[in-house]
């Protein structure tokens, strides 16, 4: 259990990074403000798990690319869960504990 007992599952695309044109993962541009919000949660004792559906539709393994991006963007986290074994592709998440990055 983490010090404050809280765990955050954090999406990657359109949460801590965005795309100006083509949505190609290698073209993702980090959002420093949103990353700072998540890093502040990490610093406050939250267990941060980046949870992305990258590869859930195509079956392509994007774990290494995503891990490299998170590190190069200065993201602080405990774990990365990537692809169909961890997060399915969906169009809407309905959950009693979900929040958009703008609400943090």
PDB file of N, CA and C in Angstrom:
ATOM      1  N   UNK A   1       0.846  -1.182   0.000  1.00  0.00           N
ATOM      2  CA  UNK A   1       0.000   0.000   0.000  1.00  0.00           C
ATOM      3  C   UNK A   1       0.888   1.241   0.000  1.00  0.00           C
ATOM      4  N   UNK A   2       0.464   2.236  -0.709  1.00  0.00           N
ATOM      5  CA  UNK A   2       1.213   3.489  -0.778  1.00  0.00           C
ATOM      6  C   UNK A   2       0.980   4.319   0.490  1.00  0.00           C
ATOM      7  N   UNK A   3       1.866   5.295   0.768  1.00  0.00           N
ATOM      8  CA  UNK A   3       1.751   6.088   2.004  1.00  0.00           C
ATOM      9  C   UNK A   3       0.362   6.682   2.244  1.00  0.00           C
ATOM     10  N   UNK A   4      -0.274   7.238   1.215  1.00  0.00           N
ATOM     11  CA  UNK A   4      -1.600   7.815   1.435  1.00  0.00           C
ATOM     12  C   UNK A   4      -2.709   6.843   1.031  1.00  0.00           C
ATOM     13  N   UNK A   5      -2.331   5.644   0.595  1.00  0.00           N
ATOM     14  CA  UNK A   5      -3.298   4.617   0.252  1.00  0.00           C
ATOM     15  C   UNK A   5      -4.054   4.853  -1.038  1.00  0.00           C
ATOM     16  N   UNK A   6      -3.592   5.781  -1.872  1.00  0.00           N
ATOM     17  CA  UNK A   6      -4.326   6.115  -3.082  1.00  0.00           C
ATOM     18  C   UNK A   6      -3.548   5.714  -4.325  1.00  0.00           C
ATOM     19  N   UNK A   7      -4.278   5.209  -5.301  1.00  0.00           N
ATOM     20  CA  UNK A   7      -3.707   4.787  -6.578  1.00  0.00           C
ATOM     21  C   UNK A   7      -4.421   5.547  -7.684  1.00  0.00           C
ATOM     22  N   UNK A   8      -3.662   6.090  -8.629  1.00  0.00           N
ATOM     23  CA  UNK A   8      -4.249   6.781  -9.784  1.00  0.00           C
ATOM     24  C   UNK A   8      -3.848   6.063 -11.058  1.00  0.00           C
ATOM     25  N   UNK A   9      -4.857   5.671 -11.850  1.00  0.00           N
ATOM     26  CA  UNK A   9      -4.627   5.169 -13.199  1.00  0.00           C
ATOM     27  C   UNK A   9      -4.718   6.378 -14.114  1.00  0.00           C
ATOM     28  N   UNK A  10      -3.653   6.650 -14.857  1.00  0.00           N
ATOM     29  CA  UNK A  10      -3.576   7.854 -15.676  1.00  0.00           C
ATOM     30  C   UNK A  10      -3.415   7.470 -17.142  1.00  0.00           C
ATOM     31  N   UNK A  11      -4.319   7.953 -17.967  1.00  0.00           N
ATOM     32  CA  UNK A  11      -4.226   7.746 -19.411  1.00  0.00           C
ATOM     33  C   UNK A  11      -3.053   8.556 -19.957  1.00  0.00           C
ATOM     34  N   UNK A  12      -2.556   8.193 -21.127  1.00  0.00           N
ATOM     35  CA  UNK A  12      -1.428   8.893 -21.736  1.00  0.00           C
ATOM     36  C   UNK A  12      -1.914   9.856 -22.819  1.00  0.00           C
ATOM     37  N   UNK A  13      -2.455   9.321 -23.909  1.00  0.00           N
ATOM     38  CA  UNK A  13      -2.828  10.140 -25.065  1.00  0.00           C
ATOM     39  C   UNK A  13      -4.034  11.018 -24.769  1.00  0.00           C
ATOM     40  N   UNK A  14      -3.913  12.276 -25.127  1.00  0.00           N
ATOM     41  CA  UNK A  14      -4.925  13.309 -24.904  1.00  0.00           C
ATOM     42  C   UNK A  14      -5.123  13.609 -23.420  1.00  0.00           C
ATOM     43  N   UNK A  15      -4.163  13.180 -22.595  1.00  0.00           N
ATOM     44  CA  UNK A  15      -4.165  13.508 -21.171  1.00  0.00           C
ATOM     45  C   UNK A  15      -2.855  14.190 -20.803  1.00  0.00           C
ATOM     46  N   UNK A  16      -1.718  13.511 -21.054  1.00  0.00           N
ATOM     47  CA  UNK A  16      -0.421  14.143 -20.794  1.00  0.00           C
ATOM     48  C   UNK A  16       0.331  14.458 -22.083  1.00  0.00           C
ATOM     49  N   UNK A  17      -0.224  14.028 -23.216  1.00  0.00           N
ATOM     50  CA  UNK A  17       0.364  14.373 -24.510  1.00  0.00           C
ATOM     51  C   UNK A  17      -0.746  14.546 -25.540  1.00  0.00           C
ATOM     52  N   UNK A  18      -0.425  15.332 -26.571  1.00  0.00           N
ATOM     53  CA  UNK A  18      -1.422  15.670 -27.584  1.00  0.00           C
ATOM     54  C   UNK A  18      -0.791  15.599 -28.971  1.00  0.00           C
ATOM     55  N   UNK A  19      -1.619  15.708 -29.987  1.00  0.00           N
ATOM     56  CA  UNK A  19      -1.188  15.620 -31.386  1.00  0.00           C
ATOM     57  C   UNK A  19      -1.702  16.832 -32.147  1.00  0.00           C
ATOM     58  N   UNK A  20      -0.837  17.422 -32.966  1.00  0.00           N
ATOM     59  CA  UNK A  20      -1.264  18.561 -33.792  1.00  0.00           C
ATOM     60  C   UNK A  20      -1.844  18.108 -35.110  1.00  0.00           C
ATOM     61  N   UNK A  21      -1.397  17.013 -35.624  1.00  0.00           N
ATOM     62  CA  UNK A  21      -1.865  16.505 -36.912  1.00  0.00           C
ATOM     63  C   UNK A  21      -2.153  15.025 -36.785  1.00  0.00           C
ATOM     64  N   UNK A  22      -1.396  14.264 -37.544  1.00  0.00           N
ATOM     65  CA  UNK A  22      -1.544  12.815 -37.558  1.00  0.00           C
ATOM     66  C   UNK A  22      -1.325  12.237 -36.155  1.00  0.00           C
ATOM     67  N   UNK A  23      -2.199  11.324 -35.773  1.00  0.00           N
ATOM     68  CA  UNK A  23      -2.032  10.677 -34.470  1.00  0.00           C
ATOM     69  C   UNK A  23      -1.109   9.475 -34.623  1.00  0.00           C
ATOM     70  N   UNK A  24       0.149   9.783 -34.562  1.00  0.00           N
ATOM     71  CA  UNK A  24       1.187   8.764 -34.600  1.00  0.00           C
ATOM     72  C   UNK A  24       1.934   8.892 -33.280  1.00  0.00           C
ATOM     73  N   UNK A  25       2.021   7.816 -32.523  1.00  0.00           N
ATOM     74  CA  UNK A  25       2.540   7.899 -31.160  1.00  0.00           C
ATOM     75  C   UNK A  25       3.917   8.552 -31.083  1.00  0.00           C
ATOM     76  N   UNK A  26       4.751   8.338 -32.103  1.00  0.00           N
ATOM     77  CA  UNK A  26       6.083   8.946 -32.068  1.00  0.00           C
ATOM     78  C   UNK A  26       6.033  10.460 -32.269  1.00  0.00           C
ATOM     79  N   UNK A  27       4.889  11.001 -32.661  1.00  0.00           N
ATOM     80  CA  UNK A  27       4.725  12.449 -32.839  1.00  0.00           C
ATOM     81  C   UNK A  27       4.033  13.117 -31.658  1.00  0.00           C
ATOM     82  N   UNK A  28       3.779  12.377 -30.610  1.00  0.00           N
ATOM     83  CA  UNK A  28       3.085  12.920 -29.439  1.00  0.00           C
ATOM     84  C   UNK A  28       3.900  14.047 -28.815  1.00  0.00           C
ATOM     85  N   UNK A  29       3.210  15.130 -28.506  1.00  0.00           N
ATOM     86  CA  UNK A  29       3.854  16.282 -27.866  1.00  0.00           C
ATOM     87  C   UNK A  29       3.418  16.336 -26.407  1.00  0.00           C
ATOM     88  N   UNK A  30       4.362  16.301 -25.475  1.00  0.00           N
ATOM     89  CA  UNK A  30       3.994  16.315 -24.057  1.00  0.00           C
ATOM     90  C   UNK A  30       3.382  17.639 -23.640  1.00  0.00           C
ATOM     91  N   UNK A  31       2.492  17.570 -22.655  1.00  0.00           N
ATOM     92  CA  UNK A  31       1.904  18.763 -22.069  1.00  0.00           C
ATOM     93  C   UNK A  31       2.512  18.918 -20.673  1.00  0.00           C
ATOM     94  N   UNK A  32       3.443  19.873 -20.544  1.00  0.00           N
ATOM     95  CA  UNK A  32       4.193  20.041 -19.297  1.00  0.00           C
ATOM     96  C   UNK A  32       3.276  20.337 -18.105  1.00  0.00           C
ATOM     97  N   UNK A  33       2.240  21.119 -18.312  1.00  0.00           N
ATOM     98  CA  UNK A  33       1.326  21.445 -17.219  1.00  0.00           C
ATOM     99  C   UNK A  33       0.598  20.230 -16.692  1.00  0.00           C
ATOM    100  N   UNK A  34       0.123  19.390 -17.588  1.00  0.00           N
ATOM    101  CA  UNK A  34      -0.594  18.185 -17.162  1.00  0.00           C
ATOM    102  C   UNK A  34       0.355  17.181 -16.504  1.00  0.00           C
ATOM    103  N   UNK A  35       1.567  17.077 -17.047  1.00  0.00           N
ATOM    104  CA  UNK A  35       2.561  16.189 -16.440  1.00  0.00           C
ATOM    105  C   UNK A  35       2.883  16.683 -15.032  1.00  0.00           C
ATOM    106  N   UNK A  36       2.996  17.988 -14.850  1.00  0.00           N
ATOM    107  CA  UNK A  36       3.275  18.552 -13.523  1.00  0.00           C
ATOM    108  C   UNK A  36       2.171  18.201 -12.525  1.00  0.00           C
ATOM    109  N   UNK A  37       0.921  18.189 -12.975  1.00  0.00           N
ATOM    110  CA  UNK A  37      -0.193  17.821 -12.093  1.00  0.00           C
ATOM    111  C   UNK A  37      -0.041  16.385 -11.590  1.00  0.00           C
ATOM    112  N   UNK A  38       0.292  15.489 -12.514  1.00  0.00           N
ATOM    113  CA  UNK A  38       0.441  14.081 -12.142  1.00  0.00           C
ATOM    114  C   UNK A  38       1.684  13.902 -11.275  1.00  0.00           C
ATOM    115  N   UNK A  39       2.779  14.588 -11.610  1.00  0.00           N
ATOM    116  CA  UNK A  39       3.990  14.506 -10.793  1.00  0.00           C
ATOM    117  C   UNK A  39       3.735  15.013  -9.378  1.00  0.00           C
ATOM    118  N   UNK A  40       2.897  16.029  -9.229  1.00  0.00           N
ATOM    119  CA  UNK A  40       2.551  16.538  -7.892  1.00  0.00           C
ATOM    120  C   UNK A  40       1.798  15.476  -7.098  1.00  0.00           C
ATOM    121  N   UNK A  41       0.949  14.723  -7.768  1.00  0.00           N
ATOM    122  CA  UNK A  41       0.248  13.630  -7.089  1.00  0.00           C
ATOM    123  C   UNK A  41       1.260  12.571  -6.640  1.00  0.00           C
ATOM    124  N   UNK A  42       2.206  12.250  -7.511  1.00  0.00           N
ATOM    125  CA  UNK A  42       3.271  11.299  -7.179  1.00  0.00           C
ATOM    126  C   UNK A  42       4.014  11.784  -5.926  1.00  0.00           C
ATOM    127  N   UNK A  43       4.382  13.067  -5.929  1.00  0.00           N
ATOM    128  CA  UNK A  43       5.113  13.649  -4.800  1.00  0.00           C
ATOM    129  C   UNK A  43       4.288  13.642  -3.517  1.00  0.00           C
ATOM    130  N   UNK A  44       2.967  13.683  -3.656  1.00  0.00           N
ATOM    131  CA  UNK A  44       2.070  13.659  -2.490  1.00  0.00           C
ATOM    132  C   UNK A  44       1.814  12.242  -1.980  1.00  0.00           C
ATOM    133  N   UNK A  45       2.431  11.246  -2.618  1.00  0.00           N
ATOM    134  CA  UNK A  45       2.323   9.879  -2.133  1.00  0.00           C
ATOM    135  C   UNK A  45       1.380   8.975  -2.891  1.00  0.00           C
ATOM    136  N   UNK A  46       0.787   9.483  -3.973  1.00  0.00           N
ATOM    137  CA  UNK A  46      -0.078   8.640  -4.791  1.00  0.00           C
ATOM    138  C   UNK A  46       0.781   7.611  -5.526  1.00  0.00           C
ATOM    139  N   UNK A  47       0.239   6.421  -5.737  1.00  0.00           N
ATOM    140  CA  UNK A  47       0.853   5.435  -6.632  1.00  0.00           C
ATOM    141  C   UNK A  47       0.339   5.771  -8.025  1.00  0.00           C
ATOM    142  N   UNK A  48       1.237   6.132  -8.933  1.00  0.00           N
ATOM    143  CA  UNK A  48       0.863   6.537 -10.284  1.00  0.00           C
ATOM    144  C   UNK A  48       1.125   5.383 -11.249  1.00  0.00           C
ATOM    145  N   UNK A  49       0.053   4.978 -11.915  1.00  0.00           N
ATOM    146  CA  UNK A  49       0.141   3.925 -12.930  1.00  0.00           C
ATOM    147  C   UNK A  49      -0.347   4.517 -14.244  1.00  0.00           C
ATOM    148  N   UNK A  50       0.568   4.667 -15.200  1.00  0.00           N
ATOM    149  CA  UNK A  50       0.139   5.094 -16.527  1.00  0.00           C
ATOM    150  C   UNK A  50      -0.490   3.885 -17.196  1.00  0.00           C
ATOM    151  N   UNK A  51      -1.704   4.100 -17.746  1.00  0.00           N
ATOM    152  CA  UNK A  51      -2.588   3.035 -18.222  1.00  0.00           C
ATOM    153  C   UNK A  51      -3.067   3.446 -19.598  1.00  0.00           C
ATOM    154  N   UNK A  52      -2.512   2.832 -20.637  1.00  0.00           N
ATOM    155  CA  UNK A  52      -2.817   3.262 -21.995  1.00  0.00           C
ATOM    156  C   UNK A  52      -3.298   2.116 -22.879  1.00  0.00           C
ATOM    157  N   UNK A  53      -4.193   2.443 -23.789  1.00  0.00           N
ATOM    158  CA  UNK A  53      -4.711   1.459 -24.740  1.00  0.00           C
ATOM    159  C   UNK A  53      -3.855   1.389 -26.004  1.00  0.00           C
ATOM    160  N   UNK A  54      -2.723   2.065 -26.031  1.00  0.00           N
ATOM    161  CA  UNK A  54      -1.853   2.006 -27.203  1.00  0.00           C
ATOM    162  C   UNK A  54      -1.620   0.544 -27.595  1.00  0.00           C
ATOM    163  N   UNK A  55      -1.955   0.206 -28.806  1.00  0.00           N
ATOM    164  CA  UNK A  55      -1.786  -1.153 -29.309  1.00  0.00           C
ATOM    165  C   UNK A  55      -2.995  -2.049 -29.116  1.00  0.00           C
ATOM    166  N   UNK A  56      -4.016  -1.589 -28.429  1.00  0.00           N
ATOM    167  CA  UNK A  56      -5.189  -2.430 -28.180  1.00  0.00           C
ATOM    168  C   UNK A  56      -5.969  -2.747 -29.450  1.00  0.00           C
ATOM    169  N   UNK A  57      -5.945  -1.849 -30.418  1.00  0.00           N
ATOM    170  CA  UNK A  57      -6.652  -2.086 -31.681  1.00  0.00           C
ATOM    171  C   UNK A  57      -5.750  -2.806 -32.676  1.00  0.00           C
ATOM    172  N   UNK A  58      -4.500  -2.369 -32.777  1.00  0.00           N
ATOM    173  CA  UNK A  58      -3.592  -2.904 -33.792  1.00  0.00           C
ATOM    174  C   UNK A  58      -2.838  -4.149 -33.361  1.00  0.00           C
ATOM    175  N   UNK A  59      -2.704  -4.344 -32.052  1.00  0.00           N
ATOM    176  CA  UNK A  59      -1.911  -5.459 -31.550  1.00  0.00           C
ATOM    177  C   UNK A  59      -0.415  -5.160 -31.535  1.00  0.00           C
ATOM    178  N   UNK A  60      -0.030  -3.946 -31.910  1.00  0.00           N
ATOM    179  CA  UNK A  60       1.378  -3.545 -31.915  1.00  0.00           C
ATOM    180  C   UNK A  60       1.798  -3.216 -30.488  1.00  0.00           C
ATOM    181  N   UNK A  61       2.978  -3.682 -30.109  1.00  0.00           N
ATOM    182  CA  UNK A  61       3.506  -3.436 -28.771  1.00  0.00           C
ATOM    183  C   UNK A  61       4.189  -2.066 -28.726  1.00  0.00           C
ATOM    184  N   UNK A  62       3.569  -1.126 -28.035  1.00  0.00           N
ATOM    185  CA  UNK A  62       4.111   0.229 -27.921  1.00  0.00           C
ATOM    186  C   UNK A  62       4.712   0.487 -26.540  1.00  0.00           C
ATOM    187  N   UNK A  63       4.935  -0.556 -25.773  1.00  0.00           N
ATOM    188  CA  UNK A  63       5.413  -0.389 -24.399  1.00  0.00           C
ATOM    189  C   UNK A  63       6.752   0.347 -24.344  1.00  0.00           C
ATOM    190  N   UNK A  64       7.740  -0.105 -25.112  1.00  0.00           N
ATOM    191  CA  UNK A  64       9.072   0.498 -25.038  1.00  0.00           C
ATOM    192  C   UNK A  64       9.059   1.961 -25.471  1.00  0.00           C
ATOM    193  N   UNK A  65       8.333   2.274 -26.558  1.00  0.00           N
ATOM    194  CA  UNK A  65       8.218   3.657 -27.013  1.00  0.00           C
ATOM    195  C   UNK A  65       7.565   4.511 -25.925  1.00  0.00           C
ATOM    196  N   UNK A  66       6.476   4.028 -25.361  1.00  0.00           N
ATOM    197  CA  UNK A  66       5.754   4.783 -24.340  1.00  0.00           C
ATOM    198  C   UNK A  66       6.612   4.981 -23.098  1.00  0.00           C
ATOM    199  N   UNK A  67       7.301   3.947 -22.667  1.00  0.00           N
ATOM    200  CA  UNK A  67       8.182   4.052 -21.508  1.00  0.00           C
ATOM    201  C   UNK A  67       9.268   5.099 -21.761  1.00  0.00           C
ATOM    202  N   UNK A  68       9.863   5.059 -22.939  1.00  0.00           N
ATOM    203  CA  UNK A  68      10.891   6.035 -23.310  1.00  0.00           C
ATOM    204  C   UNK A  68      10.332   7.459 -23.294  1.00  0.00           C
ATOM    205  N   UNK A  69       9.124   7.636 -23.832  1.00  0.00           N
ATOM    206  CA  UNK A  69       8.499   8.956 -23.842  1.00  0.00           C
ATOM    207  C   UNK A  69       8.249   9.457 -22.426  1.00  0.00           C
ATOM    208  N   UNK A  70       7.663   8.625 -21.587  1.00  0.00           N
ATOM    209  CA  UNK A  70       7.374   9.036 -20.210  1.00  0.00           C
ATOM    210  C   UNK A  70       8.646   9.491 -19.501  1.00  0.00           C
ATOM    211  N   UNK A  71       9.710   8.732 -19.674  1.00  0.00           N
ATOM    212  CA  UNK A  71      10.978   9.093 -19.038  1.00  0.00           C
ATOM    213  C   UNK A  71      11.526  10.400 -19.613  1.00  0.00           C
ATOM    214  N   UNK A  72      11.489  10.554 -20.928  1.00  0.00           N
ATOM    215  CA  UNK A  72      12.049  11.759 -21.552  1.00  0.00           C
ATOM    216  C   UNK A  72      11.208  12.995 -21.235  1.00  0.00           C
ATOM    217  N   UNK A  73       9.930  12.814 -20.956  1.00  0.00           N
ATOM    218  CA  UNK A  73       9.042  13.925 -20.619  1.00  0.00           C
ATOM    219  C   UNK A  73       9.106  14.292 -19.138  1.00  0.00           C
ATOM    220  N   UNK A  74       9.870  13.542 -18.358  1.00  0.00           N
ATOM    221  CA  UNK A  74      10.002  13.849 -16.926  1.00  0.00           C
ATOM    222  C   UNK A  74       8.856  13.342 -16.070  1.00  0.00           C
ATOM    223  N   UNK A  75       8.129  12.366 -16.563  1.00  0.00           N
ATOM    224  CA  UNK A  75       7.004  11.806 -15.803  1.00  0.00           C
ATOM    225  C   UNK A  75       7.534  10.950 -14.651  1.00  0.00           C
ATOM    226  N   UNK A  76       6.960  11.145 -13.479  1.00  0.00           N
ATOM    227  CA  UNK A  76       7.290  10.311 -12.330  1.00  0.00           C
ATOM    228  C   UNK A  76       6.115   9.349 -12.121  1.00  0.00           C
ATOM    229  N   UNK A  77       6.445   8.085 -12.033  1.00  0.00           N
ATOM    230  CA  UNK A  77       5.394   7.073 -11.945  1.00  0.00           C
ATOM    231  C   UNK A  77       5.972   5.785 -11.380  1.00  0.00           C
ATOM    232  N   UNK A  78       5.081   4.886 -11.022  1.00  0.00           N
ATOM    233  CA  UNK A  78       5.478   3.601 -10.457  1.00  0.00           C
ATOM    234  C   UNK A  78       5.389   2.467 -11.470  1.00  0.00           C
ATOM    235  N   UNK A  79       4.485   2.606 -12.428  1.00  0.00           N
ATOM    236  CA  UNK A  79       4.228   1.488 -13.329  1.00  0.00           C
ATOM    237  C   UNK A  79       3.616   1.992 -14.628  1.00  0.00           C
ATOM    238  N   UNK A  80       3.888   1.269 -15.717  1.00  0.00           N
ATOM    239  CA  UNK A  80       3.258   1.515 -17.016  1.00  0.00           C
ATOM    240  C   UNK A  80       2.541   0.240 -17.427  1.00  0.00           C
ATOM    241  N   UNK A  81       1.258   0.379 -17.712  1.00  0.00           N
ATOM    242  CA  UNK A  81       0.457  -0.731 -18.238  1.00  0.00           C
ATOM    243  C   UNK A  81       0.018  -0.314 -19.633  1.00  0.00           C
ATOM    244  N   UNK A  82       0.411  -1.105 -20.609  1.00  0.00           N
ATOM    245  CA  UNK A  82       0.244  -0.702 -22.002  1.00  0.00           C
ATOM    246  C   UNK A  82      -0.337  -1.840 -22.835  1.00  0.00           C
ATOM    247  N   UNK A  83      -1.311  -1.517 -23.676  1.00  0.00           N
ATOM    248  CA  UNK A  83      -1.823  -2.468 -24.651  1.00  0.00           C
ATOM    249  C   UNK A  83      -3.018  -3.271 -24.205  1.00  0.00           C
ATOM    250  N   UNK A  84      -3.421  -4.193 -25.072  1.00  0.00           N
ATOM    251  CA  UNK A  84      -4.681  -4.917 -24.877  1.00  0.00           C
ATOM    252  C   UNK A  84      -4.735  -5.785 -23.624  1.00  0.00           C
ATOM    253  N   UNK A  85      -3.609  -6.214 -23.123  1.00  0.00           N
ATOM    254  CA  UNK A  85      -3.625  -7.028 -21.904  1.00  0.00           C
ATOM    255  C   UNK A  85      -3.963  -6.190 -20.680  1.00  0.00           C
ATOM    256  N   UNK A  86      -3.872  -4.861 -20.812  1.00  0.00           N
ATOM    257  CA  UNK A  86      -4.055  -3.992 -19.657  1.00  0.00           C
ATOM    258  C   UNK A  86      -5.186  -2.979 -19.786  1.00  0.00           C
ATOM    259  N   UNK A  87      -5.421  -2.482 -20.995  1.00  0.00           N
ATOM    260  CA  UNK A  87      -6.496  -1.493 -21.171  1.00  0.00           C
ATOM    261  C   UNK A  87      -7.140  -1.696 -22.539  1.00  0.00           C
ATOM    262  N   UNK A  88      -8.411  -1.976 -22.571  1.00  0.00           N
ATOM    263  CA  UNK A  88      -9.081  -2.155 -23.859  1.00  0.00           C
ATOM    264  C   UNK A  88      -9.331  -0.812 -24.536  1.00  0.00           C
ATOM    265  N   UNK A  89      -9.508  -0.857 -25.832  1.00  0.00           N
ATOM    266  CA  UNK A  89      -9.923   0.339 -26.567  1.00  0.00           C
ATOM    267  C   UNK A  89     -11.394   0.598 -26.245  1.00  0.00           C
ATOM    268  N   UNK A  90     -11.742   1.866 -26.013  1.00  0.00           N
ATOM    269  CA  UNK A  90     -13.146   2.214 -25.782  1.00  0.00           C
ATOM    270  C   UNK A  90     -13.371   3.654 -26.207  1.00  0.00           C
ATOM    271  N   UNK A  91     -14.614   4.024 -26.346  1.00  0.00           N
ATOM    272  CA  UNK A  91     -14.978   5.381 -26.712  1.00  0.00           C
ATOM    273  C   UNK A  91     -15.519   6.194 -25.549  1.00  0.00           C
ATOM    274  N   UNK A  92     -15.924   5.536 -24.489  1.00  0.00           N
ATOM    275  CA  UNK A  92     -16.460   6.242 -23.333  1.00  0.00           C
ATOM    276  C   UNK A  92     -16.200   5.411 -22.091  1.00  0.00           C
ATOM    277  N   UNK A  93     -15.692   6.048 -21.054  1.00  0.00           N
ATOM    278  CA  UNK A  93     -15.495   5.398 -19.767  1.00  0.00           C
ATOM    279  C   UNK A  93     -16.503   5.996 -18.787  1.00  0.00           C
ATOM    280  N   UNK A  94     -17.294   5.147 -18.208  1.00  0.00           N
ATOM    281  CA  UNK A  94     -18.265   5.581 -17.198  1.00  0.00           C
ATOM    282  C   UNK A  94     -17.835   4.946 -15.889  1.00  0.00           C
ATOM    283  N   UNK A  95     -17.489   5.797 -14.931  1.00  0.00           N
ATOM    284  CA  UNK A  95     -16.950   5.292 -13.680  1.00  0.00           C
ATOM    285  C   UNK A  95     -17.217   6.326 -12.592  1.00  0.00           C
ATOM    286  N   UNK A  96     -17.472   5.862 -11.395  1.00  0.00           N
ATOM    287  CA  UNK A  96     -17.777   6.798 -10.310  1.00  0.00           C
ATOM    288  C   UNK A  96     -16.543   7.535  -9.784  1.00  0.00           C
ATOM    289  N   UNK A  97     -15.357   7.121 -10.200  1.00  0.00           N
ATOM    290  CA  UNK A  97     -14.137   7.756  -9.693  1.00  0.00           C
ATOM    291  C   UNK A  97     -13.309   8.411 -10.790  1.00  0.00           C
ATOM    292  N   UNK A  98     -13.843   8.613 -11.964  1.00  0.00           N
ATOM    293  CA  UNK A  98     -13.043   9.170 -13.049  1.00  0.00           C
ATOM    294  C   UNK A  98     -13.075  10.693 -13.036  1.00  0.00           C
ATOM    295  N   UNK A  99     -11.970  11.284 -13.532  1.00  0.00           N
ATOM    296  CA  UNK A  99     -11.848  12.732 -13.671  1.00  0.00           C
ATOM    297  C   UNK A  99     -11.047  13.045 -14.926  1.00  0.00           C
ATOM    298  N   UNK A 100     -11.372  14.139 -15.548  1.00  0.00           N
ATOM    299  CA  UNK A 100     -10.563  14.618 -16.666  1.00  0.00           C
ATOM    300  C   UNK A 100      -9.373  15.374 -16.096  1.00  0.00           C
ATOM    301  N   UNK A 101      -8.270  15.430 -16.836  1.00  0.00           N
ATOM    302  CA  UNK A 101      -7.068  16.106 -16.370  1.00  0.00           C
ATOM    303  C   UNK A 101      -7.361  17.564 -16.011  1.00  0.00           C
ATOM    304  N   UNK A 102      -8.314  18.174 -16.681  1.00  0.00           N
ATOM    305  CA  UNK A 102      -8.674  19.584 -16.406  1.00  0.00           C
ATOM    306  C   UNK A 102      -9.280  19.749 -15.016  1.00  0.00           C
ATOM    307  N   UNK A 103      -9.768  18.674 -14.422  1.00  0.00           N
ATOM    308  CA  UNK A 103     -10.394  18.744 -13.104  1.00  0.00           C
ATOM    309  C   UNK A 103      -9.403  18.549 -11.959  1.00  0.00           C
ATOM    310  N   UNK A 104      -8.172  18.248 -12.307  1.00  0.00           N
ATOM    311  CA  UNK A 104      -7.151  18.011 -11.282  1.00  0.00           C
ATOM    312  C   UNK A 104      -6.376  19.290 -11.036  1.00  0.00           C
TER     313      UNK A 104
END
